[in-house]
Protein backbone atom coordinates (compact mmCIF):
# COMPACT_ATOMS: atom_id res chain seq x y z
CA UNK A 1 173.55 22.85 123.16
CA UNK A 2 175.82 20.49 122.28
CA UNK A 3 176.97 20.44 117.85
CA UNK A 4 178.53 17.41 116.29
CA UNK A 5 180.36 17.27 113.13
CA UNK A 6 179.05 16.09 110.24
CA UNK A 7 181.26 12.79 109.54
CA UNK A 8 180.36 11.71 105.09
CA UNK A 9 178.40 9.47 106.52
CA UNK A 10 175.90 11.59 107.15
CA UNK A 11 176.33 14.21 104.14
CA UNK A 12 175.93 10.89 102.50
CA UNK A 13 172.88 10.44 103.69
CA UNK A 14 171.12 13.64 103.29
CA UNK A 15 172.35 14.02 99.91
CA UNK A 16 171.40 10.85 98.90
CA UNK A 17 167.98 11.78 101.00
CA UNK A 18 167.51 14.44 98.86
CA UNK A 19 168.16 12.74 95.68
CA UNK A 20 165.85 10.60 96.35
CA UNK A 21 162.73 13.14 97.77
CA UNK A 22 163.61 15.58 94.40
CA UNK A 23 163.43 12.06 91.71
CA UNK A 24 159.43 10.98 94.11
CA UNK A 25 158.38 14.54 93.47
CA UNK A 26 159.87 14.25 89.96
CA UNK A 27 158.04 11.12 88.60
CA UNK A 28 154.42 12.29 90.71
CA UNK A 29 155.03 15.39 88.06
CA UNK A 30 155.87 13.14 85.14
CA UNK A 31 152.75 11.22 86.33
CA UNK A 32 150.25 14.48 87.39
CA UNK A 33 151.43 16.19 83.57
CA UNK A 34 151.19 12.77 81.11
CA UNK A 35 147.59 12.37 79.73
CA UNK A 36 148.35 8.87 78.27
CA UNK A 37 149.55 7.38 81.49
CA UNK A 38 149.35 3.59 82.03
CA UNK A 39 148.11 1.30 78.74
CA UNK A 40 147.32 3.24 75.41
CA UNK A 41 144.07 0.11 74.24
CA UNK A 42 142.48 2.97 77.56
CA UNK A 43 143.39 5.82 75.90
CA UNK A 44 140.70 5.89 73.67
CA UNK A 45 138.27 5.09 76.38
CA UNK A 46 139.15 8.01 78.81
CA UNK A 47 138.34 10.58 75.51
CA UNK A 48 134.74 11.76 75.20
CA UNK A 49 133.63 10.52 72.17
CA UNK A 50 130.94 13.63 71.13
CA UNK A 51 129.23 11.41 68.31
CA UNK A 52 125.36 11.32 69.24
CA UNK A 53 124.68 14.90 70.27
CA UNK A 54 120.66 14.98 69.89
CA UNK A 55 119.12 17.83 68.13
CA UNK A 56 115.60 19.06 69.41
CA UNK A 57 112.99 18.75 66.72
CA UNK A 58 109.57 20.71 66.04
CA UNK A 59 107.13 20.06 67.74
CA UNK A 60 105.81 18.78 64.01
CA UNK A 61 108.51 15.92 64.18
CA UNK A 62 107.41 15.04 67.50
CA UNK A 63 103.92 14.06 66.89
CA UNK A 64 104.79 11.90 64.21
CA UNK A 65 107.19 9.52 66.21
CA UNK A 66 105.17 9.99 69.21
CA UNK A 67 103.37 6.33 68.31
CA UNK A 68 106.34 4.97 66.68
CA UNK A 69 108.53 5.74 69.84
CA UNK A 70 105.32 3.77 72.04
CA UNK A 71 105.11 1.04 69.76
CA UNK A 72 108.60 0.91 70.39
CA UNK A 73 108.57 1.55 74.29
CA UNK A 74 105.99 -1.28 73.94
CA UNK A 75 107.52 -4.20 73.18
CA UNK A 76 110.76 -2.67 74.83
CA UNK A 77 107.86 -3.57 77.94
CA UNK A 78 107.32 -6.70 76.16
CA UNK A 79 111.04 -8.26 75.95
CA UNK A 80 111.85 -7.48 79.58
CA UNK A 81 108.95 -8.50 80.77
CA UNK A 82 109.61 -12.08 78.95
CA UNK A 83 113.62 -11.70 80.36
CA UNK A 84 111.91 -11.98 84.16
CA UNK A 85 108.87 -14.63 83.87
CA UNK A 86 111.87 -17.06 81.97
CA UNK A 87 110.54 -17.50 79.09
CA UNK A 88 111.73 -19.57 76.12
CA UNK A 89 114.81 -18.43 74.74
CA UNK A 90 113.25 -18.97 70.83
CA UNK A 91 110.27 -16.46 72.05
CA UNK A 92 112.25 -14.19 73.20
CA UNK A 93 115.44 -13.80 70.49
CA UNK A 94 111.77 -13.04 68.07
CA UNK A 95 110.30 -10.25 70.61
CA UNK A 96 114.22 -8.67 71.09
CA UNK A 97 113.76 -9.33 66.78
CA UNK A 98 110.97 -7.15 66.02
CA UNK A 99 112.01 -4.44 68.97
CA UNK A 100 114.83 -4.14 66.61
CA UNK A 101 112.70 -3.29 63.29
CA UNK A 102 110.90 -0.98 64.99
CA UNK A 103 113.70 0.75 66.70
CA UNK A 104 115.32 1.47 62.76
CA UNK A 105 112.15 2.54 62.00
CA UNK A 106 112.10 4.38 64.13
CA UNK A 107 115.65 5.79 63.27
CA UNK A 108 115.62 6.41 60.15
CA UNK A 109 111.95 8.55 60.46
CA UNK A 110 113.92 11.18 62.69
CA UNK A 111 116.42 10.85 60.21
CA UNK A 112 114.54 11.86 57.63
CA UNK A 113 112.11 14.55 59.31
CA UNK A 114 116.10 16.22 59.98
């Protein structure tokens, strides 16, 4: 086996290679440890929002809400059907407005029963 002596160039290149590899691994570690890398405007979107926690209602309340839920479902199906059949936009908007009224009534009744 023949050993060749290290030249100044080979020593420098090996040192540079080590520095490049170590700086790459440091940047990868920084990227993995940072929870807000990238656009700061998306940080809020990444957080889990638990504002809509649904608590179970008593059976009596469910009985009161069942007819209201059926009305909302019926109106939602009607709106979906009207959109699928390409009905006039004014008719669809009226149906959507009625759906919103029914949803609001359902939500208010749910809040009152909690």
